[in-house]
Amino acid sequence: MTTNLAIHTPSIVLLPVVAVGSGLGMIAYGTYGIIEGFKNSIEASQFR
């Protein structure tokens, strides 16, 4: 029973870490996309 728990514990610990990591990645990617879009709109307005 103890070995079974020891096998499952890493996956239980890993799941939230992966979820948080991918969440942060999505936030960072989204922020980067917003910043790039903002820069592009500023550049477009300057060229007019």
PDB file of N, CA and C in Angstrom:
ATOM      1  N   MET A   1       0.839  -1.205   0.000  1.00  0.00           N
ATOM      2  CA  MET A   1       0.000   0.000   0.000  1.00  0.00           C
ATOM      3  C   MET A   1       0.875   1.257   0.000  1.00  0.00           C
ATOM      4  N   THR A   2       1.948   1.228   0.791  1.00  0.00           N
ATOM      5  CA  THR A   2       2.827   2.398   0.887  1.00  0.00           C
ATOM      6  C   THR A   2       3.550   2.650  -0.441  1.00  0.00           C
ATOM      7  N   THR A   3       3.994   1.577  -1.097  1.00  0.00           N
ATOM      8  CA  THR A   3       4.684   1.713  -2.393  1.00  0.00           C
ATOM      9  C   THR A   3       3.729   2.275  -3.441  1.00  0.00           C
ATOM     10  N   ASN A   4       2.474   1.844  -3.383  1.00  0.00           N
ATOM     11  CA  ASN A   4       1.463   2.334  -4.317  1.00  0.00           C
ATOM     12  C   ASN A   4       1.294   3.844  -4.158  1.00  0.00           C
ATOM     13  N   LEU A   5       1.267   4.311  -2.920  1.00  0.00           N
ATOM     14  CA  LEU A   5       1.137   5.734  -2.621  1.00  0.00           C
ATOM     15  C   LEU A   5       2.379   6.485  -3.105  1.00  0.00           C
ATOM     16  N   ALA A   6       3.544   5.886  -2.880  1.00  0.00           N
ATOM     17  CA  ALA A   6       4.806   6.499  -3.303  1.00  0.00           C
ATOM     18  C   ALA A   6       4.873   6.663  -4.820  1.00  0.00           C
ATOM     19  N   ILE A   7       4.279   5.735  -5.536  1.00  0.00           N
ATOM     20  CA  ILE A   7       4.246   5.811  -7.011  1.00  0.00           C
ATOM     21  C   ILE A   7       3.299   6.934  -7.459  1.00  0.00           C
ATOM     22  N   HIS A   8       2.181   7.084  -6.770  1.00  0.00           N
ATOM     23  CA  HIS A   8       1.175   8.069  -7.186  1.00  0.00           C
ATOM     24  C   HIS A   8       1.471   9.490  -6.704  1.00  0.00           C
ATOM     25  N   THR A   9       2.263   9.624  -5.635  1.00  0.00           N
ATOM     26  CA  THR A   9       2.536  10.950  -5.075  1.00  0.00           C
ATOM     27  C   THR A   9       3.214  11.896  -6.069  1.00  0.00           C
ATOM     28  N   PRO A  10       4.249  11.472  -6.810  1.00  0.00           N
ATOM     29  CA  PRO A  10       4.880  12.405  -7.758  1.00  0.00           C
ATOM     30  C   PRO A  10       3.910  12.962  -8.797  1.00  0.00           C
ATOM     31  N   SER A  11       3.030  12.122  -9.322  1.00  0.00           N
ATOM     32  CA  SER A  11       2.063  12.580 -10.320  1.00  0.00           C
ATOM     33  C   SER A  11       1.065  13.564  -9.691  1.00  0.00           C
ATOM     34  N   ILE A  12       0.688  13.333  -8.433  1.00  0.00           N
ATOM     35  CA  ILE A  12      -0.227  14.229  -7.713  1.00  0.00           C
ATOM     36  C   ILE A  12       0.447  15.590  -7.495  1.00  0.00           C
ATOM     37  N   VAL A  13       1.726  15.562  -7.166  1.00  0.00           N
ATOM     38  CA  VAL A  13       2.478  16.798  -6.952  1.00  0.00           C
ATOM     39  C   VAL A  13       2.734  17.498  -8.289  1.00  0.00           C
ATOM     40  N   LEU A  14       3.001  16.708  -9.319  1.00  0.00           N
ATOM     41  CA  LEU A  14       3.369  17.248 -10.632  1.00  0.00           C
ATOM     42  C   LEU A  14       2.196  17.925 -11.338  1.00  0.00           C
ATOM     43  N   LEU A  15       1.002  17.393 -11.183  1.00  0.00           N
ATOM     44  CA  LEU A  15      -0.166  17.945 -11.890  1.00  0.00           C
ATOM     45  C   LEU A  15      -0.390  19.437 -11.620  1.00  0.00           C
ATOM     46  N   PRO A  16      -0.428  19.896 -10.361  1.00  0.00           N
ATOM     47  CA  PRO A  16      -0.599  21.335 -10.113  1.00  0.00           C
ATOM     48  C   PRO A  16       0.563  22.165 -10.642  1.00  0.00           C
ATOM     49  N   VAL A  17       1.771  21.634 -10.524  1.00  0.00           N
ATOM     50  CA  VAL A  17       2.958  22.346 -11.025  1.00  0.00           C
ATOM     51  C   VAL A  17       2.850  22.549 -12.532  1.00  0.00           C
ATOM     52  N   VAL A  18       2.465  21.498 -13.253  1.00  0.00           N
ATOM     53  CA  VAL A  18       2.292  21.588 -14.708  1.00  0.00           C
ATOM     54  C   VAL A  18       1.161  22.553 -15.043  1.00  0.00           C
ATOM     55  N   ALA A  19       0.071  22.462 -14.286  1.00  0.00           N
ATOM     56  CA  ALA A  19      -1.076  23.339 -14.530  1.00  0.00           C
ATOM     57  C   ALA A  19      -0.706  24.809 -14.309  1.00  0.00           C
ATOM     58  N   VAL A  20      -0.007  25.090 -13.225  1.00  0.00           N
ATOM     59  CA  VAL A  20       0.424  26.462 -12.918  1.00  0.00           C
ATOM     60  C   VAL A  20       1.427  26.939 -13.968  1.00  0.00           C
ATOM     61  N   GLY A  21       2.367  26.071 -14.317  1.00  0.00           N
ATOM     62  CA  GLY A  21       3.379  26.406 -15.328  1.00  0.00           C
ATOM     63  C   GLY A  21       2.760  26.749 -16.670  1.00  0.00           C
ATOM     64  N   SER A  22       1.818  25.922 -17.119  1.00  0.00           N
ATOM     65  CA  SER A  22       1.167  26.185 -18.400  1.00  0.00           C
ATOM     66  C   SER A  22       0.283  27.426 -18.317  1.00  0.00           C
ATOM     67  N   GLY A  23      -0.328  27.638 -17.151  1.00  0.00           N
ATOM     68  CA  GLY A  23      -1.143  28.844 -16.929  1.00  0.00           C
ATOM     69  C   GLY A  23      -0.298  30.097 -17.030  1.00  0.00           C
ATOM     70  N   LEU A  24       0.867  30.079 -16.373  1.00  0.00           N
ATOM     71  CA  LEU A  24       1.784  31.222 -16.439  1.00  0.00           C
ATOM     72  C   LEU A  24       2.276  31.429 -17.864  1.00  0.00           C
ATOM     73  N   GLY A  25       2.550  30.331 -18.550  1.00  0.00           N
ATOM     74  CA  GLY A  25       2.970  30.412 -19.951  1.00  0.00           C
ATOM     75  C   GLY A  25       1.917  31.071 -20.825  1.00  0.00           C
ATOM     76  N   MET A  26       0.661  30.692 -20.625  1.00  0.00           N
ATOM     77  CA  MET A  26      -0.443  31.280 -21.381  1.00  0.00           C
ATOM     78  C   MET A  26      -0.590  32.767 -21.073  1.00  0.00           C
ATOM     79  N   ILE A  27      -0.452  33.135 -19.782  1.00  0.00           N
ATOM     80  CA  ILE A  27      -0.544  34.540 -19.370  1.00  0.00           C
ATOM     81  C   ILE A  27       0.583  35.347 -20.012  1.00  0.00           C
ATOM     82  N   ALA A  28       1.801  34.804 -19.938  1.00  0.00           N
ATOM     83  CA  ALA A  28       2.966  35.486 -20.523  1.00  0.00           C
ATOM     84  C   ALA A  28       2.782  35.646 -22.035  1.00  0.00           C
ATOM     85  N   TYR A  29       2.313  34.601 -22.702  1.00  0.00           N
ATOM     86  CA  TYR A  29       2.096  34.640 -24.145  1.00  0.00           C
ATOM     87  C   TYR A  29       1.001  35.650 -24.503  1.00  0.00           C
ATOM     88  N   GLY A  30      -0.067  35.661 -23.719  1.00  0.00           N
ATOM     89  CA  GLY A  30      -1.165  36.603 -23.933  1.00  0.00           C
ATOM     90  C   GLY A  30      -0.712  38.039 -23.738  1.00  0.00           C
ATOM     91  N   THR A  31       0.062  38.287 -22.674  1.00  0.00           N
ATOM     92  CA  THR A  31       0.598  39.625 -22.401  1.00  0.00           C
ATOM     93  C   THR A  31       1.514  40.069 -23.534  1.00  0.00           C
ATOM     94  N   TYR A  32       2.372  39.160 -23.983  1.00  0.00           N
ATOM     95  CA  TYR A  32       3.278  39.447 -25.101  1.00  0.00           C
ATOM     96  C   TYR A  32       2.480  39.802 -26.362  1.00  0.00           C
ATOM     97  N   GLY A  33       1.431  39.056 -26.625  1.00  0.00           N
ATOM     98  CA  GLY A  33       0.572  39.320 -27.783  1.00  0.00           C
ATOM     99  C   GLY A  33      -0.089  40.689 -27.698  1.00  0.00           C
ATOM    100  N   ILE A  34      -0.569  41.062 -26.503  1.00  0.00           N
ATOM    101  CA  ILE A  34      -1.197  42.373 -26.288  1.00  0.00           C
ATOM    102  C   ILE A  34      -0.174  43.489 -26.524  1.00  0.00           C
ATOM    103  N   ILE A  35       1.037  43.314 -25.960  1.00  0.00           N
ATOM    104  CA  ILE A  35       2.099  44.316 -26.102  1.00  0.00           C
ATOM    105  C   ILE A  35       2.482  44.464 -27.584  1.00  0.00           C
ATOM    106  N   GLU A  36       2.659  43.347 -28.283  1.00  0.00           N
ATOM    107  CA  GLU A  36       3.019  43.391 -29.705  1.00  0.00           C
ATOM    108  C   GLU A  36       1.922  44.063 -30.525  1.00  0.00           C
ATOM    109  N   GLY A  37       0.673  43.733 -30.232  1.00  0.00           N
ATOM    110  CA  GLY A  37      -0.459  44.355 -30.925  1.00  0.00           C
ATOM    111  C   GLY A  37      -0.512  45.858 -30.657  1.00  0.00           C
ATOM    112  N   PHE A  38      -0.228  46.247 -29.425  1.00  0.00           N
ATOM    113  CA  PHE A  38      -0.208  47.646 -29.029  1.00  0.00           C
ATOM    114  C   PHE A  38       0.899  48.391 -29.768  1.00  0.00           C
ATOM    115  N   LYS A  39       2.082  47.780 -29.825  1.00  0.00           N
ATOM    116  CA  LYS A  39       3.221  48.369 -30.551  1.00  0.00           C
ATOM    117  C   LYS A  39       2.882  48.540 -32.030  1.00  0.00           C
ATOM    118  N   ASN A  40       2.279  47.507 -32.616  1.00  0.00           N
ATOM    119  CA  ASN A  40       1.920  47.556 -34.037  1.00  0.00           C
ATOM    120  C   ASN A  40       0.906  48.654 -34.305  1.00  0.00           C
ATOM    121  N   SER A  41      -0.064  48.844 -33.414  1.00  0.00           N
ATOM    122  CA  SER A  41      -1.072  49.887 -33.601  1.00  0.00           C
ATOM    123  C   SER A  41      -0.447  51.280 -33.458  1.00  0.00           C
ATOM    124  N   ILE A  42       0.522  51.429 -32.549  1.00  0.00           N
ATOM    125  CA  ILE A  42       1.239  52.699 -32.387  1.00  0.00           C
ATOM    126  C   ILE A  42       2.035  53.004 -33.665  1.00  0.00           C
ATOM    127  N   GLU A  43       2.751  51.994 -34.169  1.00  0.00           N
ATOM    128  CA  GLU A  43       3.540  52.159 -35.397  1.00  0.00           C
ATOM    129  C   GLU A  43       2.627  52.508 -36.574  1.00  0.00           C
ATOM    130  N   ALA A  44       1.494  51.838 -36.668  1.00  0.00           N
ATOM    131  CA  ALA A  44       0.545  52.087 -37.756  1.00  0.00           C
ATOM    132  C   ALA A  44       0.013  53.524 -37.679  1.00  0.00           C
ATOM    133  N   SER A  45      -0.265  54.018 -36.475  1.00  0.00           N
ATOM    134  CA  SER A  45      -0.782  55.377 -36.316  1.00  0.00           C
ATOM    135  C   SER A  45       0.300  56.421 -36.605  1.00  0.00           C
ATOM    136  N   GLN A  46       1.565  56.067 -36.358  1.00  0.00           N
ATOM    137  CA  GLN A  46       2.666  56.989 -36.650  1.00  0.00           C
ATOM    138  C   GLN A  46       2.901  57.111 -38.158  1.00  0.00           C
ATOM    139  N   PHE A  47       2.683  56.034 -38.903  1.00  0.00           N
ATOM    140  CA  PHE A  47       2.946  56.035 -40.349  1.00  0.00           C
ATOM    141  C   PHE A  47       1.867  56.788 -41.133  1.00  0.00           C
ATOM    142  N   ARG A  48       0.711  57.008 -40.509  1.00  0.00           N
ATOM    143  CA  ARG A  48      -0.380  57.669 -41.219  1.00  0.00           C
ATOM    144  C   ARG A  48      -0.060  59.113 -41.549  1.00  0.00           C
TER     145      ARG A  48
END
